[in-house]
Amino acid sequence: MLSEALTALAAAGGTAVAQAAGTDTWTSVRQRTARLFGRGEEPAVLGELDRTEQELAHGGSREEAAARWAERFVRLLRDLDAGGRAAVVEELRRLEGSPPPTPASGPVFHGDVTVRADQGVAGAVVNGPVRVENPRSPGRSQG
């Protein structure tokens, strides 16, 4: 039986795999996930990951895929000795902390971004925290 913390980490890893499928982070997440399972398992795990990506590309449920991968991570953690488990835990933490997946096309910004319209309307899609500030009124020298 795994601790609650390890089970939660396995679930976060499953979510990371499911969320990365079909994005520009997929190649990295796919390779890192396969390496978690060890050299002898990599080809089979890569095949499973490819099936997951195809399933999701054809409208499959990300929640179901995340749950399957979470269970796969739970089994892996359960089967390892303490030393092996520590290494996998560390890699799962890195996998969980991967940059958020972004669509395969379009600009990607990290850090502060200003969206502004001098006339008309400006819009943007934001995934993450947003801070809205009122623009300053123009001073005497500006207007």
Protein backbone atom coordinates (compact mmCIF):
# COMPACT_ATOMS: atom_id res chain seq x y z
CA MET A 1 0.00 0.00 0.00
CA LEU A 2 1.36 3.41 -0.98
CA SER A 3 1.15 6.48 1.18
CA GLU A 4 -1.41 9.13 0.37
CA ALA A 5 1.38 11.47 -0.77
CA LEU A 6 2.77 8.91 -3.24
CA THR A 7 -0.69 8.12 -4.55
CA ALA A 8 -1.31 11.85 -5.09
CA LEU A 9 2.04 12.16 -6.86
CA ALA A 10 1.12 9.24 -9.14
CA ALA A 11 -2.19 10.97 -9.93
CA ALA A 12 -0.36 14.22 -10.73
CA GLY A 13 1.97 12.29 -13.01
CA GLY A 14 -1.00 10.72 -14.79
CA THR A 15 -2.54 14.14 -15.27
CA ALA A 16 0.76 15.51 -16.61
CA VAL A 17 0.90 12.72 -19.21
CA ALA A 18 -2.72 13.20 -20.29
CA GLN A 19 -2.43 16.99 -20.47
CA ALA A 20 0.81 16.91 -22.46
CA ALA A 21 -0.53 14.63 -25.22
CA GLY A 22 -0.93 16.58 -28.45
CA THR A 23 1.03 19.61 -27.25
CA ASP A 24 4.55 20.85 -27.85
CA THR A 25 5.67 19.30 -24.52
CA TRP A 26 4.58 15.80 -25.56
CA THR A 27 7.92 14.58 -26.93
CA SER A 28 9.73 15.46 -23.71
CA VAL A 29 7.00 14.09 -21.41
CA ARG A 30 6.77 10.91 -23.52
CA GLN A 31 10.51 10.22 -23.30
CA ARG A 32 10.74 11.06 -19.59
CA THR A 33 7.76 8.86 -18.79
CA ALA A 34 9.19 5.90 -20.70
CA ARG A 35 12.52 6.26 -18.89
CA LEU A 36 10.74 6.07 -15.54
CA PHE A 37 9.85 2.45 -16.22
CA GLY A 38 13.41 1.36 -16.97
CA ARG A 39 15.33 0.25 -20.01
CA GLY A 40 13.61 -3.09 -20.47
CA GLU A 41 10.15 -1.52 -20.34
CA GLU A 42 10.75 1.56 -22.52
CA PRO A 43 9.53 0.14 -25.86
CA ALA A 44 6.27 -1.15 -24.37
CA VAL A 45 5.67 2.09 -22.45
CA LEU A 46 6.38 4.17 -25.56
CA GLY A 47 3.74 2.10 -27.36
CA GLU A 48 1.24 2.73 -24.55
CA LEU A 49 2.01 6.46 -24.65
CA ASP A 50 1.52 6.54 -28.42
CA ARG A 51 -1.84 4.80 -28.03
CA THR A 52 -2.82 7.34 -25.38
CA GLU A 53 -1.90 10.23 -27.68
CA GLN A 54 -3.88 8.72 -30.58
CA GLU A 55 -6.89 8.06 -28.38
CA LEU A 56 -6.89 11.65 -27.14
CA ALA A 57 -6.42 12.99 -30.67
CA HIS A 58 -9.63 11.18 -31.61
CA GLY A 59 -11.73 12.62 -28.78
CA GLY A 60 -10.83 10.30 -25.92
CA SER A 61 -11.24 11.44 -22.34
CA ARG A 62 -8.22 13.11 -20.76
CA GLU A 63 -9.61 12.23 -17.33
CA GLU A 64 -9.72 8.52 -18.21
CA ALA A 65 -6.22 8.65 -19.70
CA ALA A 66 -4.92 10.44 -16.59
CA ALA A 67 -6.51 7.80 -14.36
CA ARG A 68 -4.93 4.96 -16.38
CA TRP A 69 -1.49 6.54 -16.20
CA ALA A 70 -1.92 7.31 -12.50
CA GLU A 71 -2.64 3.62 -11.89
CA ARG A 72 0.37 2.68 -14.02
CA PHE A 73 2.55 4.97 -11.86
CA VAL A 74 1.05 3.51 -8.66
CA ARG A 75 1.96 -0.02 -9.81
CA LEU A 76 5.47 1.13 -10.70
CA LEU A 77 6.01 2.78 -7.32
CA ARG A 78 4.57 -0.23 -5.51
CA ASP A 79 6.96 -2.63 -7.29
CA LEU A 80 10.16 -0.68 -6.59
CA ASP A 81 12.55 -0.94 -3.66
CA ALA A 82 13.20 2.19 -1.58
CA GLY A 83 16.14 3.37 -3.71
CA GLY A 84 14.33 2.90 -7.00
CA ARG A 85 11.19 4.48 -5.60
CA ALA A 86 13.10 7.60 -4.51
CA ALA A 87 14.45 8.10 -8.04
CA VAL A 88 11.01 7.66 -9.61
CA VAL A 89 9.43 10.01 -7.05
CA GLU A 90 11.96 12.68 -7.95
CA GLU A 91 11.28 12.27 -11.67
CA LEU A 92 7.50 12.29 -11.11
CA ARG A 93 7.90 15.57 -9.23
CA ARG A 94 9.79 17.00 -12.20
CA LEU A 95 7.19 15.64 -14.60
CA GLU A 96 4.42 17.19 -12.52
CA GLY A 97 6.26 20.52 -12.56
CA SER A 98 6.70 20.53 -16.33
CA PRO A 99 5.80 23.81 -17.99
CA PRO A 100 2.10 23.90 -18.74
CA PRO A 101 1.31 22.33 -22.10
CA THR A 102 0.68 24.77 -24.90
CA PRO A 103 -0.95 24.24 -28.26
CA ALA A 104 1.39 23.04 -30.98
CA SER A 105 1.02 26.35 -32.82
CA GLY A 106 0.78 29.99 -31.90
CA PRO A 107 2.96 32.20 -29.74
CA VAL A 108 3.99 31.16 -26.25
CA PHE A 109 4.94 33.81 -23.71
CA HIS A 110 6.61 33.34 -20.35
CA GLY A 111 6.53 36.27 -17.97
CA ASP A 112 4.62 39.53 -18.17
CA VAL A 113 2.63 40.28 -21.31
CA THR A 114 0.70 43.45 -22.12
CA VAL A 115 -2.30 43.30 -24.45
CA ARG A 116 -3.33 46.76 -25.56
CA ALA A 117 -5.62 48.33 -28.12
CA ASP A 118 -5.30 51.95 -29.12
CA GLN A 119 -8.62 51.75 -30.94
CA GLY A 120 -11.11 48.94 -30.86
CA VAL A 121 -10.82 45.81 -28.74
CA ALA A 122 -7.83 43.72 -27.69
CA GLY A 123 -8.21 40.12 -26.64
CA ALA A 124 -6.10 37.21 -25.48
CA VAL A 125 -6.45 33.66 -24.20
CA VAL A 126 -4.83 33.26 -20.80
CA ASN A 127 -4.05 30.01 -19.02
CA GLY A 128 -2.95 30.94 -15.53
CA PRO A 129 -3.22 33.81 -13.10
CA VAL A 130 -4.34 37.18 -14.39
CA ARG A 131 -3.82 40.59 -12.84
CA VAL A 132 -5.97 43.40 -14.21
CA GLU A 133 -4.91 46.97 -13.67
CA ASN A 134 -6.65 50.14 -14.72
CA PRO A 135 -4.57 52.16 -17.15
CA ARG A 136 -3.18 55.38 -15.83
CA SER A 137 -4.81 58.57 -16.98
CA PRO A 138 -2.59 60.47 -19.39
CA GLY A 139 -0.64 63.21 -17.68
CA ARG A 140 -0.36 66.73 -19.01
CA SER A 141 2.66 65.84 -21.11
CA GLN A 142 0.87 62.83 -22.65
CA GLY A 143 -2.39 64.34 -23.74
